[in-house]
């Protein structure tokens, strides 16, 4: 019984996004590695936390991960 071809994993997306237990996707926020002296402490602190992808984007990207 022949099945149709599988969809390939989008490697760049799979390295950026991690799937959580509840099904949402998380990612590391950008801009927190260097040259942060110009930013406020609040901005630097908030970049340490993971970001959560919105529901619409999650549904779209789950199919390629």
N, C-alpha and C. Protein backbone atom coordinates (compact mmCIF):
# COMPACT_ATOMS: atom_id res chain seq x y z
N UNK A 1 0.84 -1.18 0.00
CA UNK A 1 0.00 0.00 0.00
C UNK A 1 0.89 1.25 0.00
N UNK A 2 0.81 2.00 -1.07
CA UNK A 2 1.65 3.17 -1.21
C UNK A 2 1.02 4.38 -0.53
N UNK A 3 1.84 5.11 0.19
CA UNK A 3 1.38 6.34 0.83
C UNK A 3 2.01 7.52 0.10
N UNK A 4 1.41 8.68 0.28
CA UNK A 4 1.95 9.88 -0.35
C UNK A 4 3.26 10.28 0.31
N UNK A 5 4.00 11.17 -0.32
CA UNK A 5 5.28 11.58 0.26
C UNK A 5 5.08 12.40 1.53
N UNK A 6 6.01 12.22 2.46
CA UNK A 6 5.95 12.98 3.70
C UNK A 6 6.48 14.39 3.46
N UNK A 7 6.04 15.30 4.32
CA UNK A 7 6.55 16.66 4.26
C UNK A 7 7.86 16.73 5.02
N UNK A 8 8.86 17.35 4.41
CA UNK A 8 10.16 17.45 5.06
C UNK A 8 10.11 18.45 6.20
N UNK A 9 10.96 18.21 7.20
CA UNK A 9 11.08 19.13 8.34
C UNK A 9 11.85 20.35 7.89
N UNK A 10 11.36 21.53 8.26
CA UNK A 10 12.07 22.77 7.99
C UNK A 10 13.11 22.92 9.09
N UNK A 11 14.38 22.65 8.74
CA UNK A 11 15.44 22.53 9.74
C UNK A 11 15.68 23.82 10.52
N UNK A 12 15.61 24.97 9.86
CA UNK A 12 15.84 26.22 10.57
C UNK A 12 14.78 26.45 11.63
N UNK A 13 13.52 26.17 11.29
CA UNK A 13 12.43 26.36 12.25
C UNK A 13 12.53 25.37 13.40
N UNK A 14 12.92 24.15 13.12
CA UNK A 14 13.00 23.14 14.17
C UNK A 14 14.12 23.45 15.16
N UNK A 15 15.13 24.22 14.73
CA UNK A 15 16.21 24.59 15.64
C UNK A 15 15.84 25.81 16.47
N UNK A 16 14.92 26.63 15.99
CA UNK A 16 14.53 27.85 16.69
C UNK A 16 13.41 27.58 17.69
N UNK A 17 12.40 26.83 17.30
CA UNK A 17 11.22 26.63 18.12
C UNK A 17 11.27 25.29 18.83
N UNK A 18 10.85 25.30 20.11
CA UNK A 18 10.75 24.07 20.89
C UNK A 18 9.30 23.88 21.29
N UNK A 19 8.84 22.64 21.18
CA UNK A 19 7.45 22.35 21.50
C UNK A 19 7.30 22.08 22.99
N UNK A 20 6.36 22.75 23.63
CA UNK A 20 6.10 22.55 25.05
C UNK A 20 5.06 21.45 25.25
N UNK A 21 4.89 21.03 26.49
CA UNK A 21 3.97 19.94 26.81
C UNK A 21 2.52 20.29 26.48
N UNK A 22 2.16 21.56 26.61
CA UNK A 22 0.77 21.95 26.33
C UNK A 22 0.53 22.24 24.85
N UNK A 23 1.55 22.07 24.00
CA UNK A 23 1.37 22.21 22.57
C UNK A 23 1.82 23.54 22.00
N UNK A 24 2.13 24.52 22.85
CA UNK A 24 2.58 25.81 22.34
C UNK A 24 4.06 25.72 21.96
N UNK A 25 4.52 26.69 21.20
CA UNK A 25 5.91 26.73 20.77
C UNK A 25 6.63 27.86 21.48
N UNK A 26 7.84 27.60 21.95
CA UNK A 26 8.62 28.63 22.62
C UNK A 26 9.89 28.89 21.82
N UNK A 27 10.48 30.06 22.04
CA UNK A 27 11.68 30.46 21.32
C UNK A 27 12.48 31.41 22.19
N UNK A 28 13.76 31.56 21.87
CA UNK A 28 14.62 32.49 22.58
C UNK A 28 14.47 33.88 21.95
N UNK A 29 14.30 34.87 22.79
CA UNK A 29 14.14 36.23 22.28
C UNK A 29 15.47 36.77 21.77
N UNK A 30 15.39 37.62 20.77
CA UNK A 30 16.61 38.13 20.13
C UNK A 30 17.12 39.39 20.81
N UNK A 31 18.37 39.71 20.54
CA UNK A 31 18.94 40.98 20.97
C UNK A 31 19.45 41.02 22.38
N UNK A 32 19.73 39.87 22.99
CA UNK A 32 20.17 39.88 24.37
C UNK A 32 21.59 39.41 24.60
N UNK A 33 22.37 39.28 23.53
CA UNK A 33 23.71 38.71 23.68
C UNK A 33 24.79 39.75 23.97
N UNK A 34 24.81 40.82 23.21
CA UNK A 34 25.84 41.84 23.45
C UNK A 34 25.30 43.19 23.05
N UNK A 35 26.04 44.23 23.42
CA UNK A 35 25.62 45.62 23.20
C UNK A 35 24.29 45.92 23.89
N UNK A 36 24.15 45.47 25.11
CA UNK A 36 22.91 45.71 25.85
C UNK A 36 23.04 46.87 26.82
N UNK A 37 24.18 47.56 26.81
CA UNK A 37 24.37 48.66 27.76
C UNK A 37 23.44 49.84 27.44
N UNK A 38 23.06 49.98 26.18
CA UNK A 38 22.17 51.07 25.79
C UNK A 38 20.72 50.80 26.19
N UNK A 39 20.40 49.53 26.45
CA UNK A 39 19.02 49.15 26.78
C UNK A 39 18.79 49.29 28.27
N UNK A 40 17.54 49.47 28.63
CA UNK A 40 17.19 49.55 30.04
C UNK A 40 17.30 48.18 30.68
N UNK A 41 17.40 48.15 32.00
CA UNK A 41 17.50 46.88 32.73
C UNK A 41 16.27 46.03 32.48
N UNK A 42 15.12 46.67 32.36
CA UNK A 42 13.87 45.94 32.11
C UNK A 42 13.91 45.22 30.77
N UNK A 43 14.42 45.88 29.75
CA UNK A 43 14.51 45.26 28.43
C UNK A 43 15.43 44.04 28.44
N UNK A 44 16.58 44.19 29.07
CA UNK A 44 17.54 43.09 29.14
C UNK A 44 16.96 41.92 29.92
N UNK A 45 16.29 42.23 31.03
CA UNK A 45 15.70 41.19 31.89
C UNK A 45 14.60 40.44 31.15
N UNK A 46 13.78 41.15 30.40
CA UNK A 46 12.68 40.50 29.69
C UNK A 46 13.17 39.62 28.55
N UNK A 47 14.32 39.93 28.00
CA UNK A 47 14.87 39.10 26.91
C UNK A 47 15.41 37.78 27.41
N UNK A 48 15.67 37.67 28.71
CA UNK A 48 16.17 36.40 29.25
C UNK A 48 15.10 35.32 29.22
N UNK A 49 13.84 35.72 29.32
CA UNK A 49 12.74 34.75 29.34
C UNK A 49 12.45 34.27 27.93
N UNK A 50 11.86 33.10 27.86
CA UNK A 50 11.47 32.54 26.56
C UNK A 50 10.22 33.28 26.06
N UNK A 51 10.10 33.36 24.76
CA UNK A 51 8.90 33.91 24.15
C UNK A 51 7.95 32.78 23.77
N UNK A 52 6.67 33.09 23.70
CA UNK A 52 5.67 32.11 23.29
C UNK A 52 5.04 32.57 21.99
N UNK A 53 4.93 31.68 21.05
CA UNK A 53 4.37 31.99 19.75
C UNK A 53 2.85 32.10 19.83
N UNK A 54 2.27 33.00 19.05
CA UNK A 54 0.81 33.16 19.06
C UNK A 54 0.15 31.93 18.43
N UNK A 55 -1.13 31.77 18.70
CA UNK A 55 -1.85 30.56 18.27
C UNK A 55 -1.86 30.42 16.74
N UNK A 56 -2.07 31.52 16.03
CA UNK A 56 -2.11 31.45 14.57
C UNK A 56 -0.79 31.01 13.98
N UNK A 57 0.31 31.56 14.51
CA UNK A 57 1.63 31.18 14.03
C UNK A 57 1.97 29.75 14.43
N UNK A 58 1.52 29.35 15.63
CA UNK A 58 1.80 27.99 16.11
C UNK A 58 1.19 26.96 15.18
N UNK A 59 -0.06 27.16 14.79
CA UNK A 59 -0.73 26.20 13.89
C UNK A 59 0.01 26.10 12.56
N UNK A 60 0.51 27.22 12.07
CA UNK A 60 1.19 27.24 10.77
C UNK A 60 2.55 26.56 10.83
N UNK A 61 3.28 26.78 11.92
CA UNK A 61 4.66 26.28 12.00
C UNK A 61 4.72 24.84 12.47
N UNK A 62 3.70 24.37 13.22
CA UNK A 62 3.69 22.98 13.69
C UNK A 62 3.75 21.99 12.53
N UNK A 63 3.19 22.37 11.40
CA UNK A 63 3.16 21.42 10.27
C UNK A 63 4.54 21.23 9.65
N UNK A 64 5.46 22.15 9.85
CA UNK A 64 6.78 22.02 9.24
C UNK A 64 7.85 21.57 10.23
N UNK A 65 7.49 21.47 11.51
CA UNK A 65 8.48 21.04 12.53
C UNK A 65 8.39 19.52 12.69
